[in-house]
Amino acid sequence: MCKDDRPALRCPSCHASLVLAATGGSAPPGLTLPDPPSPPPVHEVLAQYAGRVVDPATARSGAAQARAGLAAARSAEAERRARQAEARRAAPDVRGVPHRAA
């Protein structure tokens, strides 16, 4: 004899209530599981860009902005490292409690 004291079984991914159904036929009425979400096909996503013409001035401007952003990020990282190294040099070298001679 099997006792199942759980009120309902649930799907771990979509949390839908699961019902035991007999095989060999269609799903019982009222049991419709949602289709898993899927991204749209690539050709549908890229179709909106198919007829566009690239403006060279806009492309150069965008590339310049990207380069400027990368250069700013590099310099900010270099400054952060320099401040960190300076703080390490300024702080006393503490490696532990010094041994006291008796």
PDB file of N, CA and C in Angstrom:
ATOM      1  N   MET A   1       0.826  -1.158   0.000  1.00  0.00           N
ATOM      2  CA  MET A   1       0.000   0.000   0.000  1.00  0.00           C
ATOM      3  C   MET A   1       0.888   1.244   0.000  1.00  0.00           C
ATOM      4  N   CYS A   2       0.587   2.159  -0.885  1.00  0.00           N
ATOM      5  CA  CYS A   2       1.386   3.379  -1.007  1.00  0.00           C
ATOM      6  C   CYS A   2       0.563   4.570  -0.565  1.00  0.00           C
ATOM      7  N   LYS A   3       1.145   5.319   0.328  1.00  0.00           N
ATOM      8  CA  LYS A   3       0.467   6.537   0.766  1.00  0.00           C
ATOM      9  C   LYS A   3       1.230   7.732   0.210  1.00  0.00           C
ATOM     10  N   ASP A   4       0.546   8.547  -0.523  1.00  0.00           N
ATOM     11  CA  ASP A   4       1.155   9.762  -1.035  1.00  0.00           C
ATOM     12  C   ASP A   4       0.468  10.932  -0.369  1.00  0.00           C
ATOM     13  N   ASP A   5       1.157  11.528   0.604  1.00  0.00           N
ATOM     14  CA  ASP A   5       0.528  12.601   1.358  1.00  0.00           C
ATOM     15  C   ASP A   5       0.777  13.978   0.734  1.00  0.00           C
ATOM     16  N   ARG A   6       1.465  14.011  -0.412  1.00  0.00           N
ATOM     17  CA  ARG A   6       1.655  15.291  -1.088  1.00  0.00           C
ATOM     18  C   ARG A   6       0.363  15.669  -1.800  1.00  0.00           C
ATOM     19  N   PRO A   7      -0.059  16.944  -1.724  1.00  0.00           N
ATOM     20  CA  PRO A   7      -1.332  17.326  -2.328  1.00  0.00           C
ATOM     21  C   PRO A   7      -1.320  17.250  -3.850  1.00  0.00           C
ATOM     22  N   ALA A   8      -0.221  17.614  -4.505  1.00  0.00           N
ATOM     23  CA  ALA A   8      -0.162  17.567  -5.968  1.00  0.00           C
ATOM     24  C   ALA A   8       1.291  17.529  -6.390  1.00  0.00           C
ATOM     25  N   LEU A   9       1.539  16.890  -7.502  1.00  0.00           N
ATOM     26  CA  LEU A   9       2.878  16.879  -8.068  1.00  0.00           C
ATOM     27  C   LEU A   9       3.003  18.081  -8.987  1.00  0.00           C
ATOM     28  N   ARG A  10       4.170  18.717  -8.993  1.00  0.00           N
ATOM     29  CA  ARG A  10       4.381  19.908  -9.818  1.00  0.00           C
ATOM     30  C   ARG A  10       5.618  19.729 -10.682  1.00  0.00           C
ATOM     31  N   CYS A  11       5.564  20.300 -11.869  1.00  0.00           N
ATOM     32  CA  CYS A  11       6.704  20.291 -12.777  1.00  0.00           C
ATOM     33  C   CYS A  11       7.779  21.203 -12.195  1.00  0.00           C
ATOM     34  N   PRO A  12       9.044  20.752 -12.128  1.00  0.00           N
ATOM     35  CA  PRO A  12      10.088  21.587 -11.528  1.00  0.00           C
ATOM     36  C   PRO A  12      10.418  22.837 -12.347  1.00  0.00           C
ATOM     37  N   SER A  13      10.197  22.828 -13.659  1.00  0.00           N
ATOM     38  CA  SER A  13      10.568  23.997 -14.455  1.00  0.00           C
ATOM     39  C   SER A  13       9.439  25.005 -14.591  1.00  0.00           C
ATOM     40  N   CYS A  14       8.215  24.565 -14.862  1.00  0.00           N
ATOM     41  CA  CYS A  14       7.129  25.530 -15.072  1.00  0.00           C
ATOM     42  C   CYS A  14       6.120  25.543 -13.936  1.00  0.00           C
ATOM     43  N   HIS A  15       6.282  24.669 -12.952  1.00  0.00           N
ATOM     44  CA  HIS A  15       5.418  24.582 -11.773  1.00  0.00           C
ATOM     45  C   HIS A  15       3.963  24.287 -12.123  1.00  0.00           C
ATOM     46  N   ALA A  16       3.746  23.627 -13.260  1.00  0.00           N
ATOM     47  CA  ALA A  16       2.386  23.238 -13.621  1.00  0.00           C
ATOM     48  C   ALA A  16       2.009  22.000 -12.823  1.00  0.00           C
ATOM     49  N   SER A  17       0.763  21.879 -12.512  1.00  0.00           N
ATOM     50  CA  SER A  17       0.290  20.723 -11.765  1.00  0.00           C
ATOM     51  C   SER A  17       0.310  19.506 -12.681  1.00  0.00           C
ATOM     52  N   LEU A  18       0.897  18.426 -12.226  1.00  0.00           N
ATOM     53  CA  LEU A  18       0.995  17.212 -13.041  1.00  0.00           C
ATOM     54  C   LEU A  18      -0.083  16.227 -12.620  1.00  0.00           C
ATOM     55  N   VAL A  19      -0.680  15.593 -13.609  1.00  0.00           N
ATOM     56  CA  VAL A  19      -1.748  14.636 -13.373  1.00  0.00           C
ATOM     57  C   VAL A  19      -1.373  13.342 -14.086  1.00  0.00           C
ATOM     58  N   LEU A  20      -1.575  12.215 -13.422  1.00  0.00           N
ATOM     59  CA  LEU A  20      -1.317  10.941 -14.073  1.00  0.00           C
ATOM     60  C   LEU A  20      -2.413  10.693 -15.102  1.00  0.00           C
ATOM     61  N   ALA A  21      -2.001  10.306 -16.298  1.00  0.00           N
ATOM     62  CA  ALA A  21      -2.967  10.061 -17.363  1.00  0.00           C
ATOM     63  C   ALA A  21      -2.628   8.740 -18.028  1.00  0.00           C
ATOM     64  N   ALA A  22      -3.625   8.101 -18.547  1.00  0.00           N
ATOM     65  CA  ALA A  22      -3.424   6.836 -19.256  1.00  0.00           C
ATOM     66  C   ALA A  22      -2.781   7.128 -20.606  1.00  0.00           C
ATOM     67  N   THR A  23      -1.869   6.242 -21.015  1.00  0.00           N
ATOM     68  CA  THR A  23      -1.232   6.425 -22.313  1.00  0.00           C
ATOM     69  C   THR A  23      -2.078   5.761 -23.386  1.00  0.00           C
ATOM     70  N   GLY A  24      -1.772   6.081 -24.638  1.00  0.00           N
ATOM     71  CA  GLY A  24      -2.501   5.465 -25.739  1.00  0.00           C
ATOM     72  C   GLY A  24      -3.714   6.289 -26.123  1.00  0.00           C
ATOM     73  N   GLY A  25      -3.537   7.526 -26.366  1.00  0.00           N
ATOM     74  CA  GLY A  25      -4.643   8.380 -26.748  1.00  0.00           C
ATOM     75  C   GLY A  25      -4.251   9.822 -26.542  1.00  0.00           C
ATOM     76  N   SER A  26      -5.210  10.671 -26.647  1.00  0.00           N
ATOM     77  CA  SER A  26      -4.923  12.082 -26.460  1.00  0.00           C
ATOM     78  C   SER A  26      -4.886  12.401 -24.964  1.00  0.00           C
ATOM     79  N   ALA A  27      -4.427  13.596 -24.677  1.00  0.00           N
ATOM     80  CA  ALA A  27      -4.343  14.026 -23.277  1.00  0.00           C
ATOM     81  C   ALA A  27      -5.753  14.174 -22.710  1.00  0.00           C
ATOM     82  N   PRO A  28      -5.903  13.923 -21.435  1.00  0.00           N
ATOM     83  CA  PRO A  28      -7.223  14.090 -20.836  1.00  0.00           C
ATOM     84  C   PRO A  28      -7.684  15.539 -20.937  1.00  0.00           C
ATOM     85  N   PRO A  29      -8.985  15.763 -20.947  1.00  0.00           N
ATOM     86  CA  PRO A  29      -9.465  17.134 -21.057  1.00  0.00           C
ATOM     87  C   PRO A  29      -8.995  17.969 -19.867  1.00  0.00           C
ATOM     88  N   GLY A  30      -8.623  19.188 -20.169  1.00  0.00           N
ATOM     89  CA  GLY A  30      -8.168  20.087 -19.108  1.00  0.00           C
ATOM     90  C   GLY A  30      -6.684  20.017 -18.847  1.00  0.00           C
ATOM     91  N   LEU A  31      -5.974  19.081 -19.470  1.00  0.00           N
ATOM     92  CA  LEU A  31      -4.538  18.953 -19.253  1.00  0.00           C
ATOM     93  C   LEU A  31      -3.818  19.481 -20.490  1.00  0.00           C
ATOM     94  N   THR A  32      -3.463  20.731 -20.444  1.00  0.00           N
ATOM     95  CA  THR A  32      -2.691  21.324 -21.532  1.00  0.00           C
ATOM     96  C   THR A  32      -1.456  21.951 -20.917  1.00  0.00           C
ATOM     97  N   LEU A  33      -0.313  21.488 -21.327  1.00  0.00           N
ATOM     98  CA  LEU A  33       0.939  22.014 -20.823  1.00  0.00           C
ATOM     99  C   LEU A  33       1.400  23.137 -21.735  1.00  0.00           C
ATOM    100  N   PRO A  34       1.937  24.222 -21.182  1.00  0.00           N
ATOM    101  CA  PRO A  34       2.383  25.332 -22.020  1.00  0.00           C
ATOM    102  C   PRO A  34       3.611  24.934 -22.835  1.00  0.00           C
ATOM    103  N   ASP A  35       3.682  25.480 -24.044  1.00  0.00           N
ATOM    104  CA  ASP A  35       4.857  25.240 -24.878  1.00  0.00           C
ATOM    105  C   ASP A  35       6.031  25.992 -24.276  1.00  0.00           C
ATOM    106  N   PRO A  36       7.221  25.388 -24.288  1.00  0.00           N
ATOM    107  CA  PRO A  36       8.385  26.090 -23.734  1.00  0.00           C
ATOM    108  C   PRO A  36       8.703  27.306 -24.604  1.00  0.00           C
ATOM    109  N   PRO A  37       9.104  28.414 -24.004  1.00  0.00           N
ATOM    110  CA  PRO A  37       9.423  29.600 -24.799  1.00  0.00           C
ATOM    111  C   PRO A  37      10.675  29.357 -25.626  1.00  0.00           C
ATOM    112  N   SER A  38      10.662  29.874 -26.830  1.00  0.00           N
ATOM    113  CA  SER A  38      11.837  29.736 -27.689  1.00  0.00           C
ATOM    114  C   SER A  38      12.059  31.066 -28.397  1.00  0.00           C
ATOM    115  N   PRO A  39      13.300  31.398 -28.685  1.00  0.00           N
ATOM    116  CA  PRO A  39      13.571  32.665 -29.362  1.00  0.00           C
ATOM    117  C   PRO A  39      13.084  32.604 -30.808  1.00  0.00           C
ATOM    118  N   PRO A  40      12.830  33.756 -31.415  1.00  0.00           N
ATOM    119  CA  PRO A  40      12.399  33.750 -32.812  1.00  0.00           C
ATOM    120  C   PRO A  40      13.543  33.306 -33.713  1.00  0.00           C
ATOM    121  N   PRO A  41      13.228  32.801 -34.895  1.00  0.00           N
ATOM    122  CA  PRO A  41      14.290  32.395 -35.824  1.00  0.00           C
ATOM    123  C   PRO A  41      15.174  33.578 -36.199  1.00  0.00           C
ATOM    124  N   VAL A  42      16.436  33.294 -36.468  1.00  0.00           N
ATOM    125  CA  VAL A  42      17.416  34.334 -36.758  1.00  0.00           C
ATOM    126  C   VAL A  42      17.026  35.135 -37.992  1.00  0.00           C
ATOM    127  N   HIS A  43      16.508  34.465 -39.020  1.00  0.00           N
ATOM    128  CA  HIS A  43      16.176  35.178 -40.252  1.00  0.00           C
ATOM    129  C   HIS A  43      15.053  36.191 -40.019  1.00  0.00           C
ATOM    130  N   GLU A  44      14.171  35.944 -39.057  1.00  0.00           N
ATOM    131  CA  GLU A  44      13.124  36.917 -38.743  1.00  0.00           C
ATOM    132  C   GLU A  44      13.698  38.122 -38.002  1.00  0.00           C
ATOM    133  N   VAL A  45      14.664  37.875 -37.138  1.00  0.00           N
ATOM    134  CA  VAL A  45      15.267  38.966 -36.382  1.00  0.00           C
ATOM    135  C   VAL A  45      16.096  39.849 -37.294  1.00  0.00           C
ATOM    136  N   LEU A  46      16.871  39.239 -38.190  1.00  0.00           N
ATOM    137  CA  LEU A  46      17.758  40.004 -39.065  1.00  0.00           C
ATOM    138  C   LEU A  46      17.048  40.594 -40.273  1.00  0.00           C
ATOM    139  N   ALA A  47      15.801  40.194 -40.543  1.00  0.00           N
ATOM    140  CA  ALA A  47      15.083  40.678 -41.714  1.00  0.00           C
ATOM    141  C   ALA A  47      14.888  42.185 -41.672  1.00  0.00           C
ATOM    142  N   GLN A  48      14.720  42.760 -40.487  1.00  0.00           N
ATOM    143  CA  GLN A  48      14.516  44.206 -40.391  1.00  0.00           C
ATOM    144  C   GLN A  48      15.763  44.995 -40.770  1.00  0.00           C
ATOM    145  N   TYR A  49      16.929  44.350 -40.749  1.00  0.00           N
ATOM    146  CA  TYR A  49      18.169  45.033 -41.110  1.00  0.00           C
ATOM    147  C   TYR A  49      18.590  44.756 -42.546  1.00  0.00           C
ATOM    148  N   ALA A  50      17.855  43.959 -43.280  1.00  0.00           N
ATOM    149  CA  ALA A  50      18.275  43.482 -44.594  1.00  0.00           C
ATOM    150  C   ALA A  50      18.458  44.610 -45.603  1.00  0.00           C
ATOM    151  N   GLY A  51      17.562  45.586 -45.653  1.00  0.00           N
ATOM    152  CA  GLY A  51      17.645  46.611 -46.680  1.00  0.00           C
ATOM    153  C   GLY A  51      18.335  47.880 -46.249  1.00  0.00           C
ATOM    154  N   ARG A  52      18.944  47.910 -45.094  1.00  0.00           N
ATOM    155  CA  ARG A  52      19.553  49.143 -44.599  1.00  0.00           C
ATOM    156  C   ARG A  52      20.913  49.399 -45.234  1.00  0.00           C
ATOM    157  N   VAL A  53      21.211  50.668 -45.403  1.00  0.00           N
ATOM    158  CA  VAL A  53      22.487  51.092 -45.968  1.00  0.00           C
ATOM    159  C   VAL A  53      23.324  51.672 -44.836  1.00  0.00           C
ATOM    160  N   VAL A  54      24.601  51.336 -44.810  1.00  0.00           N
ATOM    161  CA  VAL A  54      25.495  51.829 -43.766  1.00  0.00           C
ATOM    162  C   VAL A  54      25.959  53.225 -44.133  1.00  0.00           C
ATOM    163  N   ASP A  55      25.787  54.169 -43.224  1.00  0.00           N
ATOM    164  CA  ASP A  55      26.265  55.534 -43.423  1.00  0.00           C
ATOM    165  C   ASP A  55      27.698  55.598 -42.904  1.00  0.00           C
ATOM    166  N   PRO A  56      28.668  55.893 -43.767  1.00  0.00           N
ATOM    167  CA  PRO A  56      30.073  55.881 -43.324  1.00  0.00           C
ATOM    168  C   PRO A  56      30.363  56.876 -42.202  1.00  0.00           C
ATOM    169  N   ALA A  57      29.753  58.056 -42.248  1.00  0.00           N
ATOM    170  CA  ALA A  57      30.024  59.057 -41.201  1.00  0.00           C
ATOM    171  C   ALA A  57      29.518  58.564 -39.855  1.00  0.00           C
ATOM    172  N   THR A  58      28.335  57.967 -39.840  1.00  0.00           N
ATOM    173  CA  THR A  58      27.781  57.442 -38.591  1.00  0.00           C
ATOM    174  C   THR A  58      28.618  56.273 -38.083  1.00  0.00           C
ATOM    175  N   ALA A  59      29.078  55.420 -39.002  1.00  0.00           N
ATOM    176  CA  ALA A  59      29.910  54.279 -38.611  1.00  0.00           C
ATOM    177  C   ALA A  59      31.220  54.761 -38.000  1.00  0.00           C
ATOM    178  N   ARG A  60      31.846  55.786 -38.615  1.00  0.00           N
ATOM    179  CA  ARG A  60      33.098  56.309 -38.065  1.00  0.00           C
ATOM    180  C   ARG A  60      32.869  56.941 -36.691  1.00  0.00           C
ATOM    181  N   SER A  61      31.774  57.669 -36.555  1.00  0.00           N
ATOM    182  CA  SER A  61      31.469  58.303 -35.272  1.00  0.00           C
ATOM    183  C   SER A  61      31.244  57.263 -34.188  1.00  0.00           C
ATOM    184  N   GLY A  62      30.488  56.219 -34.517  1.00  0.00           N
ATOM    185  CA  GLY A  62      30.235  55.151 -33.541  1.00  0.00           C
ATOM    186  C   GLY A  62      31.511  54.431 -33.152  1.00  0.00           C
ATOM    187  N   ALA A  63      32.382  54.178 -34.133  1.00  0.00           N
ATOM    188  CA  ALA A  63      33.647  53.504 -33.840  1.00  0.00           C
ATOM    189  C   ALA A  63      34.529  54.387 -32.958  1.00  0.00           C
ATOM    190  N   ALA A  64      34.522  55.694 -33.226  1.00  0.00           N
ATOM    191  CA  ALA A  64      35.325  56.608 -32.412  1.00  0.00           C
ATOM    192  C   ALA A  64      34.804  56.644 -30.976  1.00  0.00           C
ATOM    193  N   GLN A  65      33.494  56.652 -30.819  1.00  0.00           N
ATOM    194  CA  GLN A  65      32.929  56.643 -29.469  1.00  0.00           C
ATOM    195  C   GLN A  65      33.287  55.359 -28.737  1.00  0.00           C
ATOM    196  N   ALA A  66      33.254  54.231 -29.441  1.00  0.00           N
ATOM    197  CA  ALA A  66      33.603  52.953 -28.817  1.00  0.00           C
ATOM    198  C   ALA A  66      35.073  52.947 -28.400  1.00  0.00           C
ATOM    199  N   ARG A  67      35.952  53.457 -29.275  1.00  0.00           N
ATOM    200  CA  ARG A  67      37.378  53.514 -28.923  1.00  0.00           C
ATOM    201  C   ARG A  67      37.616  54.430 -27.731  1.00  0.00           C
ATOM    202  N   ALA A  68      36.922  55.572 -27.692  1.00  0.00           N
ATOM    203  CA  ALA A  68      37.085  56.501 -26.576  1.00  0.00           C
ATOM    204  C   ALA A  68      36.607  55.874 -25.273  1.00  0.00           C
ATOM    205  N   GLY A  69      35.513  55.141 -25.327  1.00  0.00           N
ATOM    206  CA  GLY A  69      35.012  54.463 -24.128  1.00  0.00           C
ATOM    207  C   GLY A  69      35.981  53.410 -23.626  1.00  0.00           C
ATOM    208  N   LEU A  70      36.564  52.637 -24.550  1.00  0.00           N
ATOM    209  CA  LEU A  70      37.538  51.616 -24.156  1.00  0.00           C
ATOM    210  C   LEU A  70      38.797  52.259 -23.568  1.00  0.00           C
ATOM    211  N   ALA A  71      39.244  53.365 -24.174  1.00  0.00           N
ATOM    212  CA  ALA A  71      40.437  54.047 -23.657  1.00  0.00           C
ATOM    213  C   ALA A  71      40.169  54.600 -22.261  1.00  0.00           C
ATOM    214  N   ALA A  72      38.982  55.153 -22.046  1.00  0.00           N
ATOM    215  CA  ALA A  72      38.642  55.678 -20.714  1.00  0.00           C
ATOM    216  C   ALA A  72      38.598  54.552 -19.688  1.00  0.00           C
ATOM    217  N   ALA A  73      38.064  53.416 -20.066  1.00  0.00           N
ATOM    218  CA  ALA A  73      38.007  52.282 -19.145  1.00  0.00           C
ATOM    219  C   ALA A  73      39.406  51.778 -18.814  1.00  0.00           C
ATOM    220  N   ARG A  74      40.287  51.742 -19.821  1.00  0.00           N
ATOM    221  CA  ARG A  74      41.667  51.295 -19.574  1.00  0.00           C
ATOM    222  C   ARG A  74      42.386  52.250 -18.631  1.00  0.00           C
ATOM    223  N   SER A  75      42.225  53.548 -18.866  1.00  0.00           N
ATOM    224  CA  SER A  75      42.929  54.510 -18.003  1.00  0.00           C
ATOM    225  C   SER A  75      42.371  54.479 -16.580  1.00  0.00           C
ATOM    226  N   ALA A  76      41.062  54.304 -16.443  1.00  0.00           N
ATOM    227  CA  ALA A  76      40.480  54.211 -15.100  1.00  0.00           C
ATOM    228  C   ALA A  76      41.007  52.977 -14.373  1.00  0.00           C
ATOM    229  N   GLU A  77      41.153  51.873 -15.094  1.00  0.00           N
ATOM    230  CA  GLU A  77      41.693  50.652 -14.482  1.00  0.00           C
ATOM    231  C   GLU A  77      43.156  50.851 -14.093  1.00  0.00           C
ATOM    232  N   ALA A  78      43.929  51.523 -14.950  1.00  0.00           N
ATOM    233  CA  ALA A  78      45.337  51.778 -14.633  1.00  0.00           C
ATOM    234  C   ALA A  78      45.464  52.679 -13.404  1.00  0.00           C
ATOM    235  N   GLU A  79      44.601  53.692 -13.310  1.00  0.00           N
ATOM    236  CA  GLU A  79      44.621  54.563 -12.131  1.00  0.00           C
ATOM    237  C   GLU A  79      44.257  53.798 -10.867  1.00  0.00           C
ATOM    238  N   ARG A  80      43.268  52.926 -10.976  1.00  0.00           N
ATOM    239  CA  ARG A  80      42.861  52.119  -9.817  1.00  0.00           C
ATOM    240  C   ARG A  80      44.012  51.233  -9.356  1.00  0.00           C
ATOM    241  N   ARG A  81      44.680  50.600 -10.308  1.00  0.00           N
ATOM    242  CA  ARG A  81      45.828  49.744  -9.944  1.00  0.00           C
ATOM    243  C   ARG A  81      46.942  50.550  -9.307  1.00  0.00           C
ATOM    244  N   ALA A  82      47.203  51.759  -9.845  1.00  0.00           N
ATOM    245  CA  ALA A  82      48.265  52.604  -9.285  1.00  0.00           C
ATOM    246  C   ALA A  82      47.922  53.023  -7.855  1.00  0.00           C
ATOM    247  N   ARG A  83      46.665  53.418  -7.613  1.00  0.00           N
ATOM    248  CA  ARG A  83      46.253  53.778  -6.256  1.00  0.00           C
ATOM    249  C   ARG A  83      46.374  52.591  -5.320  1.00  0.00           C
ATOM    250  N   GLN A  84      46.005  51.417  -5.814  1.00  0.00           N
ATOM    251  CA  GLN A  84      46.081  50.206  -4.986  1.00  0.00           C
ATOM    252  C   GLN A  84      47.538  49.891  -4.637  1.00  0.00           C
ATOM    253  N   ALA A  85      48.428  49.994  -5.618  1.00  0.00           N
ATOM    254  CA  ALA A  85      49.845  49.722  -5.369  1.00  0.00           C
ATOM    255  C   ALA A  85      50.429  50.746  -4.398  1.00  0.00           C
ATOM    256  N   GLU A  86      50.046  52.023  -4.555  1.00  0.00           N
ATOM    257  CA  GLU A  86      50.526  53.063  -3.648  1.00  0.00           C
ATOM    258  C   GLU A  86      50.031  52.815  -2.225  1.00  0.00           C
ATOM    259  N   ALA A  87      48.794  52.382  -2.083  1.00  0.00           N
ATOM    260  CA  ALA A  87      48.258  52.087  -0.753  1.00  0.00           C
ATOM    261  C   ALA A  87      48.995  50.918  -0.124  1.00  0.00           C
ATOM    262  N   ARG A  88      49.369  49.940  -0.934  1.00  0.00           N
ATOM    263  CA  ARG A  88      50.133  48.805  -0.391  1.00  0.00           C
ATOM    264  C   ARG A  88      51.512  49.240   0.073  1.00  0.00           C
ATOM    265  N   ARG A  89      52.139  50.144  -0.706  1.00  0.00           N
ATOM    266  CA  ARG A  89      53.472  50.618  -0.325  1.00  0.00           C
ATOM    267  C   ARG A  89      53.404  51.500   0.919  1.00  0.00           C
ATOM    268  N   ALA A  90      52.341  52.286   1.073  1.00  0.00           N
ATOM    269  CA  ALA A  90      52.229  53.205   2.203  1.00  0.00           C
ATOM    270  C   ALA A  90      51.892  52.485   3.499  1.00  0.00           C
ATOM    271  N   ALA A  91      51.158  51.394   3.411  1.00  0.00           N
ATOM    272  CA  ALA A  91      50.763  50.653   4.612  1.00  0.00           C
ATOM    273  C   ALA A  91      51.937  49.847   5.124  1.00  0.00           C
ATOM    274  N   PRO A  92      52.052  49.733   6.447  1.00  0.00           N
ATOM    275  CA  PRO A  92      53.143  48.904   6.984  1.00  0.00           C
ATOM    276  C   PRO A  92      52.916  47.441   6.596  1.00  0.00           C
ATOM    277  N   ASP A  93      54.008  46.754   6.462  1.00  0.00           N
ATOM    278  CA  ASP A  93      53.934  45.344   6.068  1.00  0.00           C
ATOM    279  C   ASP A  93      53.554  44.510   7.279  1.00  0.00           C
ATOM    280  N   VAL A  94      52.288  44.195   7.404  1.00  0.00           N
ATOM    281  CA  VAL A  94      51.807  43.419   8.546  1.00  0.00           C
ATOM    282  C   VAL A  94      51.603  41.990   8.077  1.00  0.00           C
ATOM    283  N   ARG A  95      52.393  41.092   8.579  1.00  0.00           N
ATOM    284  CA  ARG A  95      52.271  39.690   8.190  1.00  0.00           C
ATOM    285  C   ARG A  95      51.769  38.832   9.330  1.00  0.00           C
ATOM    286  N   GLY A  96      51.617  39.400  10.484  1.00  0.00           N
ATOM    287  CA  GLY A  96      51.182  38.628  11.625  1.00  0.00           C
ATOM    288  C   GLY A  96      51.673  39.288  12.905  1.00  0.00           C
ATOM    289  N   VAL A  97      51.417  38.647  13.993  1.00  0.00           N
ATOM    290  CA  VAL A  97      51.832  39.185  15.283  1.00  0.00           C
ATOM    291  C   VAL A  97      53.324  38.871  15.465  1.00  0.00           C
ATOM    292  N   PRO A  98      54.135  39.903  15.764  1.00  0.00           N
ATOM    293  CA  PRO A  98      55.558  39.626  15.951  1.00  0.00           C
ATOM    294  C   PRO A  98      55.790  38.787  17.202  1.00  0.00           C
ATOM    295  N   HIS A  99      56.819  37.991  17.154  1.00  0.00           N
ATOM    296  CA  HIS A  99      57.141  37.118  18.281  1.00  0.00           C
ATOM    297  C   HIS A  99      57.805  37.945  19.372  1.00  0.00           C
ATOM    298  N   ARG A 100      57.315  37.788  20.590  1.00  0.00           N
ATOM    299  CA  ARG A 100      57.901  38.510  21.717  1.00  0.00           C
ATOM    300  C   ARG A 100      58.928  37.640  22.403  1.00  0.00           C
ATOM    301  N   ALA A 101      60.056  38.212  22.595  1.00  0.00           N
ATOM    302  CA  ALA A 101      61.123  37.476  23.296  1.00  0.00           C
ATOM    303  C   ALA A 101      60.831  37.541  24.797  1.00  0.00           C
ATOM    304  N   ALA A 102      61.024  36.454  25.465  1.00  0.00           N
ATOM    305  CA  ALA A 102      60.722  36.400  26.905  1.00  0.00           C
ATOM    306  C   ALA A 102      61.854  36.881  27.743  1.00  0.00           C
TER     307      ALA A 102
END
